[in-house]
Amino acid sequence: ALRTRQFHVRPQLKRYTEATRSAMEELRADVELARAQGYAAVLHGEWREGIAACACAILGRNGELVGAIGMSGPDTRIKRKQIKQYSVDVIEAARSISIALGYSPRG
């Protein structure tokens, strides 16, 4: 499992769209939600207008973050229900890659 670590972010977060998180409190809440549900989801184009996405961490042998895998598409076609469905496949892909890299889910 991902361990909570302090992460460093530039004091000024850059806004790409109106939906971009620009407050550290919002960003921290998003990270905690992603940890709790096992994936991160964006439904309202936080980086690019009109894009919905979900992603999951890929972990290395010692449980360290080594990458991520995700999917994205137009938010006119991908809604909350679809994101939840797609997240199952994204989580499984991340798990398979993590195991191939030596990660053991059992610790």
PDB file of N, CA and C in Angstrom:
ATOM      1  N   ALA A   1       0.842  -1.190   0.000  1.00  0.00           N
ATOM      2  CA  ALA A   1       0.000   0.000   0.000  1.00  0.00           C
ATOM      3  C   ALA A   1       0.880   1.244   0.000  1.00  0.00           C
ATOM      4  N   LEU A   2       0.363   2.288  -0.560  1.00  0.00           N
ATOM      5  CA  LEU A   2       1.104   3.546  -0.554  1.00  0.00           C
ATOM      6  C   LEU A   2       1.161   4.097   0.858  1.00  0.00           C
ATOM      7  N   ARG A   3       2.336   4.517   1.258  1.00  0.00           N
ATOM      8  CA  ARG A   3       2.483   5.133   2.562  1.00  0.00           C
ATOM      9  C   ARG A   3       2.324   6.644   2.406  1.00  0.00           C
ATOM     10  N   THR A   4       1.772   7.263   3.432  1.00  0.00           N
ATOM     11  CA  THR A   4       1.623   8.714   3.391  1.00  0.00           C
ATOM     12  C   THR A   4       2.995   9.342   3.563  1.00  0.00           C
ATOM     13  N   ARG A   5       3.346  10.180   2.631  1.00  0.00           N
ATOM     14  CA  ARG A   5       4.618  10.893   2.679  1.00  0.00           C
ATOM     15  C   ARG A   5       4.347  12.355   2.422  1.00  0.00           C
ATOM     16  N   GLN A   6       5.239  13.153   2.954  1.00  0.00           N
ATOM     17  CA  GLN A   6       5.129  14.575   2.656  1.00  0.00           C
ATOM     18  C   GLN A   6       5.522  14.769   1.199  1.00  0.00           C
ATOM     19  N   PHE A   7       4.750  15.538   0.473  1.00  0.00           N
ATOM     20  CA  PHE A   7       5.121  15.812  -0.907  1.00  0.00           C
ATOM     21  C   PHE A   7       5.316  17.302  -1.073  1.00  0.00           C
ATOM     22  N   HIS A   8       6.205  17.633  -1.970  1.00  0.00           N
ATOM     23  CA  HIS A   8       6.579  19.027  -2.175  1.00  0.00           C
ATOM     24  C   HIS A   8       5.963  19.534  -3.467  1.00  0.00           C
ATOM     25  N   VAL A   9       5.291  20.635  -3.359  1.00  0.00           N
ATOM     26  CA  VAL A   9       4.658  21.261  -4.514  1.00  0.00           C
ATOM     27  C   VAL A   9       5.048  22.728  -4.491  1.00  0.00           C
ATOM     28  N   ARG A  10       5.256  23.254  -5.666  1.00  0.00           N
ATOM     29  CA  ARG A  10       5.544  24.683  -5.737  1.00  0.00           C
ATOM     30  C   ARG A  10       4.464  25.455  -4.986  1.00  0.00           C
ATOM     31  N   PRO A  11       4.838  26.527  -4.289  1.00  0.00           N
ATOM     32  CA  PRO A  11       3.849  27.288  -3.528  1.00  0.00           C
ATOM     33  C   PRO A  11       2.673  27.768  -4.378  1.00  0.00           C
ATOM     34  N   GLN A  12       2.930  28.101  -5.621  1.00  0.00           N
ATOM     35  CA  GLN A  12       1.879  28.586  -6.508  1.00  0.00           C
ATOM     36  C   GLN A  12       1.523  27.475  -7.487  1.00  0.00           C
ATOM     37  N   LEU A  13       0.327  26.930  -7.369  1.00  0.00           N
ATOM     38  CA  LEU A  13      -0.109  25.880  -8.282  1.00  0.00           C
ATOM     39  C   LEU A  13      -0.656  26.524  -9.546  1.00  0.00           C
ATOM     40  N   LYS A  14      -0.220  26.032 -10.689  1.00  0.00           N
ATOM     41  CA  LYS A  14      -0.630  26.604 -11.967  1.00  0.00           C
ATOM     42  C   LYS A  14      -2.012  26.095 -12.359  1.00  0.00           C
ATOM     43  N   ARG A  15      -2.874  27.011 -12.772  1.00  0.00           N
ATOM     44  CA  ARG A  15      -4.209  26.654 -13.257  1.00  0.00           C
ATOM     45  C   ARG A  15      -4.158  26.449 -14.763  1.00  0.00           C
ATOM     46  N   TYR A  16      -4.662  25.295 -15.201  1.00  0.00           N
ATOM     47  CA  TYR A  16      -4.749  25.006 -16.635  1.00  0.00           C
ATOM     48  C   TYR A  16      -6.162  25.241 -17.149  1.00  0.00           C
ATOM     49  N   THR A  17      -7.159  24.992 -16.295  1.00  0.00           N
ATOM     50  CA  THR A  17      -8.566  25.213 -16.637  1.00  0.00           C
ATOM     51  C   THR A  17      -9.260  25.758 -15.396  1.00  0.00           C
ATOM     52  N   GLU A  18     -10.519  26.082 -15.523  1.00  0.00           N
ATOM     53  CA  GLU A  18     -11.294  26.538 -14.360  1.00  0.00           C
ATOM     54  C   GLU A  18     -11.420  25.442 -13.301  1.00  0.00           C
ATOM     55  N   ALA A  19     -11.304  24.175 -13.718  1.00  0.00           N
ATOM     56  CA  ALA A  19     -11.450  23.051 -12.786  1.00  0.00           C
ATOM     57  C   ALA A  19     -10.139  22.640 -12.120  1.00  0.00           C
ATOM     58  N   THR A  20      -9.006  23.230 -12.519  1.00  0.00           N
ATOM     59  CA  THR A  20      -7.710  22.872 -11.940  1.00  0.00           C
ATOM     60  C   THR A  20      -7.699  23.173 -10.450  1.00  0.00           C
ATOM     61  N   ARG A  21      -7.205  22.227  -9.675  1.00  0.00           N
ATOM     62  CA  ARG A  21      -7.042  22.451  -8.237  1.00  0.00           C
ATOM     63  C   ARG A  21      -5.955  23.501  -8.050  1.00  0.00           C
ATOM     64  N   SER A  22      -6.240  24.531  -7.275  1.00  0.00           N
ATOM     65  CA  SER A  22      -5.258  25.595  -7.091  1.00  0.00           C
ATOM     66  C   SER A  22      -4.929  25.842  -5.625  1.00  0.00           C
ATOM     67  N   ALA A  23      -5.568  25.108  -4.734  1.00  0.00           N
ATOM     68  CA  ALA A  23      -5.289  25.236  -3.302  1.00  0.00           C
ATOM     69  C   ALA A  23      -4.688  23.928  -2.791  1.00  0.00           C
ATOM     70  N   MET A  24      -3.656  24.028  -1.961  1.00  0.00           N
ATOM     71  CA  MET A  24      -3.002  22.839  -1.413  1.00  0.00           C
ATOM     72  C   MET A  24      -3.993  21.933  -0.682  1.00  0.00           C
ATOM     73  N   GLU A  25      -4.956  22.534   0.015  1.00  0.00           N
ATOM     74  CA  GLU A  25      -5.932  21.729   0.755  1.00  0.00           C
ATOM     75  C   GLU A  25      -6.732  20.842  -0.199  1.00  0.00           C
ATOM     76  N   GLU A  26      -7.111  21.400  -1.343  1.00  0.00           N
ATOM     77  CA  GLU A  26      -7.855  20.622  -2.348  1.00  0.00           C
ATOM     78  C   GLU A  26      -6.989  19.498  -2.904  1.00  0.00           C
ATOM     79  N   LEU A  27      -5.738  19.822  -3.191  1.00  0.00           N
ATOM     80  CA  LEU A  27      -4.816  18.829  -3.740  1.00  0.00           C
ATOM     81  C   LEU A  27      -4.585  17.693  -2.743  1.00  0.00           C
ATOM     82  N   ARG A  28      -4.362  18.042  -1.490  1.00  0.00           N
ATOM     83  CA  ARG A  28      -4.175  17.008  -0.456  1.00  0.00           C
ATOM     84  C   ARG A  28      -5.421  16.137  -0.323  1.00  0.00           C
ATOM     85  N   ALA A  29      -6.589  16.744  -0.362  1.00  0.00           N
ATOM     86  CA  ALA A  29      -7.841  15.977  -0.271  1.00  0.00           C
ATOM     87  C   ALA A  29      -7.972  15.026  -1.459  1.00  0.00           C
ATOM     88  N   ASP A  30      -7.592  15.478  -2.649  1.00  0.00           N
ATOM     89  CA  ASP A  30      -7.633  14.614  -3.834  1.00  0.00           C
ATOM     90  C   ASP A  30      -6.679  13.430  -3.687  1.00  0.00           C
ATOM     91  N   VAL A  31      -5.480  13.684  -3.168  1.00  0.00           N
ATOM     92  CA  VAL A  31      -4.499  12.611  -2.976  1.00  0.00           C
ATOM     93  C   VAL A  31      -5.026  11.595  -1.968  1.00  0.00           C
ATOM     94  N   GLU A  32      -5.593  12.063  -0.881  1.00  0.00           N
ATOM     95  CA  GLU A  32      -6.139  11.147   0.126  1.00  0.00           C
ATOM     96  C   GLU A  32      -7.304  10.335  -0.431  1.00  0.00           C
ATOM     97  N   LEU A  33      -8.166  10.957  -1.219  1.00  0.00           N
ATOM     98  CA  LEU A  33      -9.275  10.232  -1.842  1.00  0.00           C
ATOM     99  C   LEU A  33      -8.741   9.172  -2.802  1.00  0.00           C
ATOM    100  N   ALA A  34      -7.730   9.517  -3.582  1.00  0.00           N
ATOM    101  CA  ALA A  34      -7.132   8.548  -4.509  1.00  0.00           C
ATOM    102  C   ALA A  34      -6.548   7.363  -3.747  1.00  0.00           C
ATOM    103  N   ARG A  35      -5.885   7.634  -2.644  1.00  0.00           N
ATOM    104  CA  ARG A  35      -5.349   6.537  -1.822  1.00  0.00           C
ATOM    105  C   ARG A  35      -6.472   5.658  -1.294  1.00  0.00           C
ATOM    106  N   ALA A  36      -7.519   6.282  -0.811  1.00  0.00           N
ATOM    107  CA  ALA A  36      -8.632   5.529  -0.216  1.00  0.00           C
ATOM    108  C   ALA A  36      -9.358   4.663  -1.238  1.00  0.00           C
ATOM    109  N   GLN A  37      -9.585   5.181  -2.440  1.00  0.00           N
ATOM    110  CA  GLN A  37     -10.344   4.410  -3.423  1.00  0.00           C
ATOM    111  C   GLN A  37      -9.452   3.587  -4.351  1.00  0.00           C
ATOM    112  N   GLY A  38      -8.142   3.809  -4.300  1.00  0.00           N
ATOM    113  CA  GLY A  38      -7.209   3.023  -5.095  1.00  0.00           C
ATOM    114  C   GLY A  38      -6.920   3.589  -6.472  1.00  0.00           C
ATOM    115  N   TYR A  39      -7.519   4.697  -6.807  1.00  0.00           N
ATOM    116  CA  TYR A  39      -7.286   5.343  -8.099  1.00  0.00           C
ATOM    117  C   TYR A  39      -7.668   6.811  -7.997  1.00  0.00           C
ATOM    118  N   ALA A  40      -7.145   7.593  -8.935  1.00  0.00           N
ATOM    119  CA  ALA A  40      -7.509   9.008  -9.028  1.00  0.00           C
ATOM    120  C   ALA A  40      -8.440   9.189 -10.216  1.00  0.00           C
ATOM    121  N   ALA A  41      -9.424  10.038 -10.058  1.00  0.00           N
ATOM    122  CA  ALA A  41     -10.372  10.302 -11.147  1.00  0.00           C
ATOM    123  C   ALA A  41     -10.519  11.803 -11.357  1.00  0.00           C
ATOM    124  N   VAL A  42     -10.638  12.173 -12.615  1.00  0.00           N
ATOM    125  CA  VAL A  42     -10.894  13.560 -13.000  1.00  0.00           C
ATOM    126  C   VAL A  42     -12.099  13.535 -13.922  1.00  0.00           C
ATOM    127  N   LEU A  43     -13.146  14.213 -13.519  1.00  0.00           N
ATOM    128  CA  LEU A  43     -14.372  14.213 -14.314  1.00  0.00           C
ATOM    129  C   LEU A  43     -14.613  15.529 -15.030  1.00  0.00           C
ATOM    130  N   HIS A  44     -13.867  16.558 -14.660  1.00  0.00           N
ATOM    131  CA  HIS A  44     -14.185  17.900 -15.149  1.00  0.00           C
ATOM    132  C   HIS A  44     -13.011  18.634 -15.778  1.00  0.00           C
ATOM    133  N   GLY A  45     -12.152  17.949 -16.508  1.00  0.00           N
ATOM    134  CA  GLY A  45     -11.086  18.621 -17.249  1.00  0.00           C
ATOM    135  C   GLY A  45     -10.178  19.492 -16.421  1.00  0.00           C
ATOM    136  N   GLU A  46      -9.491  18.919 -15.439  1.00  0.00           N
ATOM    137  CA  GLU A  46      -8.603  19.715 -14.600  1.00  0.00           C
ATOM    138  C   GLU A  46      -7.338  20.157 -15.329  1.00  0.00           C
ATOM    139  N   TRP A  47      -6.900  19.392 -16.323  1.00  0.00           N
ATOM    140  CA  TRP A  47      -5.704  19.771 -17.068  1.00  0.00           C
ATOM    141  C   TRP A  47      -6.057  20.271 -18.463  1.00  0.00           C
ATOM    142  N   ARG A  48      -7.013  19.626 -19.096  1.00  0.00           N
ATOM    143  CA  ARG A  48      -7.504  20.031 -20.414  1.00  0.00           C
ATOM    144  C   ARG A  48      -9.021  20.042 -20.384  1.00  0.00           C
ATOM    145  N   GLU A  49      -9.599  21.085 -20.930  1.00  0.00           N
ATOM    146  CA  GLU A  49     -11.061  21.187 -21.012  1.00  0.00           C
ATOM    147  C   GLU A  49     -11.626  19.977 -21.748  1.00  0.00           C
ATOM    148  N   GLY A  50     -12.730  19.444 -21.237  1.00  0.00           N
ATOM    149  CA  GLY A  50     -13.437  18.391 -21.942  1.00  0.00           C
ATOM    150  C   GLY A  50     -12.863  16.996 -21.802  1.00  0.00           C
ATOM    151  N   ILE A  51     -11.912  16.800 -20.872  1.00  0.00           N
ATOM    152  CA  ILE A  51     -11.284  15.490 -20.702  1.00  0.00           C
ATOM    153  C   ILE A  51     -11.628  14.918 -19.331  1.00  0.00           C
ATOM    154  N   ALA A  52     -12.055  13.656 -19.329  1.00  0.00           N
ATOM    155  CA  ALA A  52     -12.254  12.892 -18.095  1.00  0.00           C
ATOM    156  C   ALA A  52     -11.196  11.798 -18.073  1.00  0.00           C
ATOM    157  N   ALA A  53     -10.758  11.390 -16.884  1.00  0.00           N
ATOM    158  CA  ALA A  53      -9.689  10.402 -16.805  1.00  0.00           C
ATOM    159  C   ALA A  53      -9.687   9.698 -15.460  1.00  0.00           C
ATOM    160  N   CYS A  54      -9.025   8.547 -15.433  1.00  0.00           N
ATOM    161  CA  CYS A  54      -8.711   7.895 -14.171  1.00  0.00           C
ATOM    162  C   CYS A  54      -7.323   7.285 -14.300  1.00  0.00           C
ATOM    163  N   ALA A  55      -6.626   7.144 -13.180  1.00  0.00           N
ATOM    164  CA  ALA A  55      -5.266   6.622 -13.186  1.00  0.00           C
ATOM    165  C   ALA A  55      -4.981   5.921 -11.869  1.00  0.00           C
ATOM    166  N   CYS A  56      -3.982   5.047 -11.896  1.00  0.00           N
ATOM    167  CA  CYS A  56      -3.601   4.288 -10.713  1.00  0.00           C
ATOM    168  C   CYS A  56      -2.078   4.218 -10.637  1.00  0.00           C
ATOM    169  N   ALA A  57      -1.564   4.187  -9.419  1.00  0.00           N
ATOM    170  CA  ALA A  57      -0.121   4.120  -9.200  1.00  0.00           C
ATOM    171  C   ALA A  57       0.426   2.746  -9.554  1.00  0.00           C
ATOM    172  N   ILE A  58       1.646   2.739 -10.084  1.00  0.00           N
ATOM    173  CA  ILE A  58       2.419   1.516 -10.292  1.00  0.00           C
ATOM    174  C   ILE A  58       3.522   1.537  -9.245  1.00  0.00           C
ATOM    175  N   LEU A  59       3.618   0.439  -8.491  1.00  0.00           N
ATOM    176  CA  LEU A  59       4.561   0.371  -7.380  1.00  0.00           C
ATOM    177  C   LEU A  59       5.716  -0.560  -7.691  1.00  0.00           C
ATOM    178  N   GLY A  60       6.891  -0.206  -7.172  1.00  0.00           N
ATOM    179  CA  GLY A  60       8.081  -1.024  -7.345  1.00  0.00           C
ATOM    180  C   GLY A  60       8.215  -2.059  -6.244  1.00  0.00           C
ATOM    181  N   ARG A  61       9.321  -2.773  -6.271  1.00  0.00           N
ATOM    182  CA  ARG A  61       9.596  -3.877  -5.347  1.00  0.00           C
ATOM    183  C   ARG A  61       9.369  -3.506  -3.877  1.00  0.00           C
ATOM    184  N   ASN A  62       9.761  -2.301  -3.496  1.00  0.00           N
ATOM    185  CA  ASN A  62       9.656  -1.877  -2.099  1.00  0.00           C
ATOM    186  C   ASN A  62       8.412  -1.042  -1.814  1.00  0.00           C
ATOM    187  N   GLY A  63       7.463  -1.054  -2.719  1.00  0.00           N
ATOM    188  CA  GLY A  63       6.235  -0.297  -2.528  1.00  0.00           C
ATOM    189  C   GLY A  63       6.345   1.163  -2.912  1.00  0.00           C
ATOM    190  N   GLU A  64       7.474   1.535  -3.524  1.00  0.00           N
ATOM    191  CA  GLU A  64       7.669   2.925  -3.921  1.00  0.00           C
ATOM    192  C   GLU A  64       6.966   3.196  -5.247  1.00  0.00           C
ATOM    193  N   LEU A  65       6.532   4.414  -5.406  1.00  0.00           N
ATOM    194  CA  LEU A  65       5.885   4.828  -6.647  1.00  0.00           C
ATOM    195  C   LEU A  65       6.918   4.851  -7.766  1.00  0.00           C
ATOM    196  N   VAL A  66       6.643   4.104  -8.853  1.00  0.00           N
ATOM    197  CA  VAL A  66       7.565   4.094  -9.990  1.00  0.00           C
ATOM    198  C   VAL A  66       6.898   4.584 -11.268  1.00  0.00           C
ATOM    199  N   GLY A  67       5.596   4.748 -11.244  1.00  0.00           N
ATOM    200  CA  GLY A  67       4.889   5.202 -12.434  1.00  0.00           C
ATOM    201  C   GLY A  67       3.393   5.211 -12.205  1.00  0.00           C
ATOM    202  N   ALA A  68       2.669   5.372 -13.279  1.00  0.00           N
ATOM    203  CA  ALA A  68       1.203   5.368 -13.216  1.00  0.00           C
ATOM    204  C   ALA A  68       0.664   4.900 -14.557  1.00  0.00           C
ATOM    205  N   ILE A  69      -0.543   4.405 -14.529  1.00  0.00           N
ATOM    206  CA  ILE A  69      -1.230   4.015 -15.756  1.00  0.00           C
ATOM    207  C   ILE A  69      -2.642   4.578 -15.671  1.00  0.00           C
ATOM    208  N   GLY A  70      -3.168   5.010 -16.791  1.00  0.00           N
ATOM    209  CA  GLY A  70      -4.501   5.592 -16.765  1.00  0.00           C
ATOM    210  C   GLY A  70      -5.176   5.550 -18.116  1.00  0.00           C
ATOM    211  N   MET A  71      -6.359   6.097 -18.144  1.00  0.00           N
ATOM    212  CA  MET A  71      -7.124   6.220 -19.381  1.00  0.00           C
ATOM    213  C   MET A  71      -7.820   7.564 -19.360  1.00  0.00           C
ATOM    214  N   SER A  72      -8.083   8.081 -20.550  1.00  0.00           N
ATOM    215  CA  SER A  72      -8.791   9.355 -20.639  1.00  0.00           C
ATOM    216  C   SER A  72      -9.636   9.373 -21.897  1.00  0.00           C
ATOM    217  N   GLY A  73     -10.578  10.289 -21.916  1.00  0.00           N
ATOM    218  CA  GLY A  73     -11.441  10.440 -23.073  1.00  0.00           C
ATOM    219  C   GLY A  73     -12.311  11.665 -22.904  1.00  0.00           C
ATOM    220  N   PRO A  74     -13.140  11.947 -23.888  1.00  0.00           N
ATOM    221  CA  PRO A  74     -13.998  13.131 -23.818  1.00  0.00           C
ATOM    222  C   PRO A  74     -15.019  13.018 -22.685  1.00  0.00           C
ATOM    223  N   ASP A  75     -15.156  14.096 -21.914  1.00  0.00           N
ATOM    224  CA  ASP A  75     -16.099  14.048 -20.792  1.00  0.00           C
ATOM    225  C   ASP A  75     -17.558  14.023 -21.239  1.00  0.00           C
ATOM    226  N   THR A  76     -17.799  14.220 -22.519  1.00  0.00           N
ATOM    227  CA  THR A  76     -19.165  14.079 -23.034  1.00  0.00           C
ATOM    228  C   THR A  76     -19.555  12.610 -23.152  1.00  0.00           C
ATOM    229  N   ARG A  77     -18.557  11.732 -23.176  1.00  0.00           N
ATOM    230  CA  ARG A  77     -18.827  10.300 -23.317  1.00  0.00           C
ATOM    231  C   ARG A  77     -18.474   9.505 -22.072  1.00  0.00           C
ATOM    232  N   ILE A  78     -17.630  10.057 -21.213  1.00  0.00           N
ATOM    233  CA  ILE A  78     -17.196   9.342 -20.015  1.00  0.00           C
ATOM    234  C   ILE A  78     -17.749  10.062 -18.793  1.00  0.00           C
ATOM    235  N   LYS A  79     -18.670   9.429 -18.131  1.00  0.00           N
ATOM    236  CA  LYS A  79     -19.305   9.992 -16.937  1.00  0.00           C
ATOM    237  C   LYS A  79     -18.829   9.238 -15.696  1.00  0.00           C
ATOM    238  N   ARG A  80     -19.274   9.677 -14.531  1.00  0.00           N
ATOM    239  CA  ARG A  80     -18.857   9.079 -13.257  1.00  0.00           C
ATOM    240  C   ARG A  80     -19.016   7.554 -13.257  1.00  0.00           C
ATOM    241  N   LYS A  81     -20.135   7.050 -13.729  1.00  0.00           N
ATOM    242  CA  LYS A  81     -20.374   5.600 -13.732  1.00  0.00           C
ATOM    243  C   LYS A  81     -19.329   4.874 -14.583  1.00  0.00           C
ATOM    244  N   GLN A  82     -19.013   5.428 -15.749  1.00  0.00           N
ATOM    245  CA  GLN A  82     -18.015   4.801 -16.610  1.00  0.00           C
ATOM    246  C   GLN A  82     -16.619   4.867 -15.985  1.00  0.00           C
ATOM    247  N   ILE A  83     -16.304   5.992 -15.350  1.00  0.00           N
ATOM    248  CA  ILE A  83     -15.000   6.112 -14.687  1.00  0.00           C
ATOM    249  C   ILE A  83     -14.861   5.013 -13.642  1.00  0.00           C
ATOM    250  N   LYS A  84     -15.894   4.783 -12.853  1.00  0.00           N
ATOM    251  CA  LYS A  84     -15.832   3.720 -11.839  1.00  0.00           C
ATOM    252  C   LYS A  84     -15.635   2.361 -12.496  1.00  0.00           C
ATOM    253  N   GLN A  85     -16.302   2.118 -13.611  1.00  0.00           N
ATOM    254  CA  GLN A  85     -16.141   0.845 -14.321  1.00  0.00           C
ATOM    255  C   GLN A  85     -14.732   0.720 -14.899  1.00  0.00           C
ATOM    256  N   TYR A  86     -14.249   1.767 -15.560  1.00  0.00           N
ATOM    257  CA  TYR A  86     -12.913   1.728 -16.152  1.00  0.00           C
ATOM    258  C   TYR A  86     -11.826   1.621 -15.086  1.00  0.00           C
ATOM    259  N   SER A  87     -12.078   2.199 -13.923  1.00  0.00           N
ATOM    260  CA  SER A  87     -11.065   2.173 -12.872  1.00  0.00           C
ATOM    261  C   SER A  87     -10.728   0.746 -12.456  1.00  0.00           C
ATOM    262  N   VAL A  88     -11.690  -0.163 -12.537  1.00  0.00           N
ATOM    263  CA  VAL A  88     -11.427  -1.564 -12.196  1.00  0.00           C
ATOM    264  C   VAL A  88     -10.326  -2.112 -13.105  1.00  0.00           C
ATOM    265  N   ASP A  89     -10.416  -1.846 -14.398  1.00  0.00           N
ATOM    266  CA  ASP A  89      -9.401  -2.309 -15.350  1.00  0.00           C
ATOM    267  C   ASP A  89      -8.069  -1.594 -15.142  1.00  0.00           C
ATOM    268  N   VAL A  90      -8.118  -0.305 -14.850  1.00  0.00           N
ATOM    269  CA  VAL A  90      -6.891   0.461 -14.630  1.00  0.00           C
ATOM    270  C   VAL A  90      -6.182  -0.046 -13.376  1.00  0.00           C
ATOM    271  N   ILE A  91      -6.930  -0.296 -12.310  1.00  0.00           N
ATOM    272  CA  ILE A  91      -6.351  -0.826 -11.074  1.00  0.00           C
ATOM    273  C   ILE A  91      -5.727  -2.196 -11.329  1.00  0.00           C
ATOM    274  N   GLU A  92      -6.416  -3.055 -12.050  1.00  0.00           N
ATOM    275  CA  GLU A  92      -5.890  -4.394 -12.338  1.00  0.00           C
ATOM    276  C   GLU A  92      -4.624  -4.312 -13.192  1.00  0.00           C
ATOM    277  N   ALA A  93      -4.605  -3.425 -14.170  1.00  0.00           N
ATOM    278  CA  ALA A  93      -3.401  -3.255 -14.995  1.00  0.00           C
ATOM    279  C   ALA A  93      -2.231  -2.770 -14.139  1.00  0.00           C
ATOM    280  N   ALA A  94      -2.482  -1.793 -13.267  1.00  0.00           N
ATOM    281  CA  ALA A  94      -1.427  -1.275 -12.388  1.00  0.00           C
ATOM    282  C   ALA A  94      -0.929  -2.369 -11.452  1.00  0.00           C
ATOM    283  N   ARG A  95      -1.839  -3.163 -10.933  1.00  0.00           N
ATOM    284  CA  ARG A  95      -1.473  -4.269 -10.040  1.00  0.00           C
ATOM    285  C   ARG A  95      -0.603  -5.283 -10.776  1.00  0.00           C
ATOM    286  N   SER A  96      -0.993  -5.660 -11.976  1.00  0.00           N
ATOM    287  CA  SER A  96      -0.226  -6.632 -12.763  1.00  0.00           C
ATOM    288  C   SER A  96       1.178  -6.117 -13.069  1.00  0.00           C
ATOM    289  N   ILE A  97       1.274  -4.853 -13.461  1.00  0.00           N
ATOM    290  CA  ILE A  97       2.585  -4.268 -13.756  1.00  0.00           C
ATOM    291  C   ILE A  97       3.427  -4.204 -12.489  1.00  0.00           C
ATOM    292  N   SER A  98       2.820  -3.786 -11.378  1.00  0.00           N
ATOM    293  CA  SER A  98       3.535  -3.699 -10.103  1.00  0.00           C
ATOM    294  C   SER A  98       4.101  -5.057  -9.703  1.00  0.00           C
ATOM    295  N   ILE A  99       3.294  -6.099  -9.817  1.00  0.00           N
ATOM    296  CA  ILE A  99       3.744  -7.452  -9.474  1.00  0.00           C
ATOM    297  C   ILE A  99       4.884  -7.880 -10.398  1.00  0.00           C
ATOM    298  N   ALA A 100       4.773  -7.568 -11.682  1.00  0.00           N
ATOM    299  CA  ALA A 100       5.844  -7.902 -12.631  1.00  0.00           C
ATOM    300  C   ALA A 100       7.147  -7.188 -12.273  1.00  0.00           C
ATOM    301  N   LEU A 101       7.042  -6.038 -11.614  1.00  0.00           N
ATOM    302  CA  LEU A 101       8.224  -5.281 -11.191  1.00  0.00           C
ATOM    303  C   LEU A 101       8.753  -5.730  -9.832  1.00  0.00           C
ATOM    304  N   GLY A 102       8.091  -6.730  -9.231  1.00  0.00           N
ATOM    305  CA  GLY A 102       8.565  -7.270  -7.958  1.00  0.00           C
ATOM    306  C   GLY A 102       7.781  -6.858  -6.738  1.00  0.00           C
ATOM    307  N   TYR A 103       6.743  -6.063  -6.911  1.00  0.00           N
ATOM    308  CA  TYR A 103       5.919  -5.640  -5.777  1.00  0.00           C
ATOM    309  C   TYR A 103       5.091  -6.813  -5.274  1.00  0.00           C
ATOM    310  N   SER A 104       4.981  -6.937  -3.965  1.00  0.00           N
ATOM    311  CA  SER A 104       4.142  -7.969  -3.362  1.00  0.00           C
ATOM    312  C   SER A 104       3.010  -7.290  -2.604  1.00  0.00           C
ATOM    313  N   PRO A 105       1.758  -7.453  -3.058  1.00  0.00           N
ATOM    314  CA  PRO A 105       0.627  -6.795  -2.392  1.00  0.00           C
ATOM    315  C   PRO A 105       0.492  -7.171  -0.916  1.00  0.00           C
ATOM    316  N   ARG A 106       1.032  -8.296  -0.549  1.00  0.00           N
ATOM    317  CA  ARG A 106       0.927  -8.752   0.840  1.00  0.00           C
ATOM    318  C   ARG A 106       2.009  -8.150   1.722  1.00  0.00           C
ATOM    319  N   GLY A 107       2.889  -7.336   1.138  1.00  0.00           N
ATOM    320  CA  GLY A 107       3.932  -6.681   1.925  1.00  0.00           C
ATOM    321  C   GLY A 107       5.141  -7.478   1.931  1.00  0.00           C
TER     322      GLY A 107
END
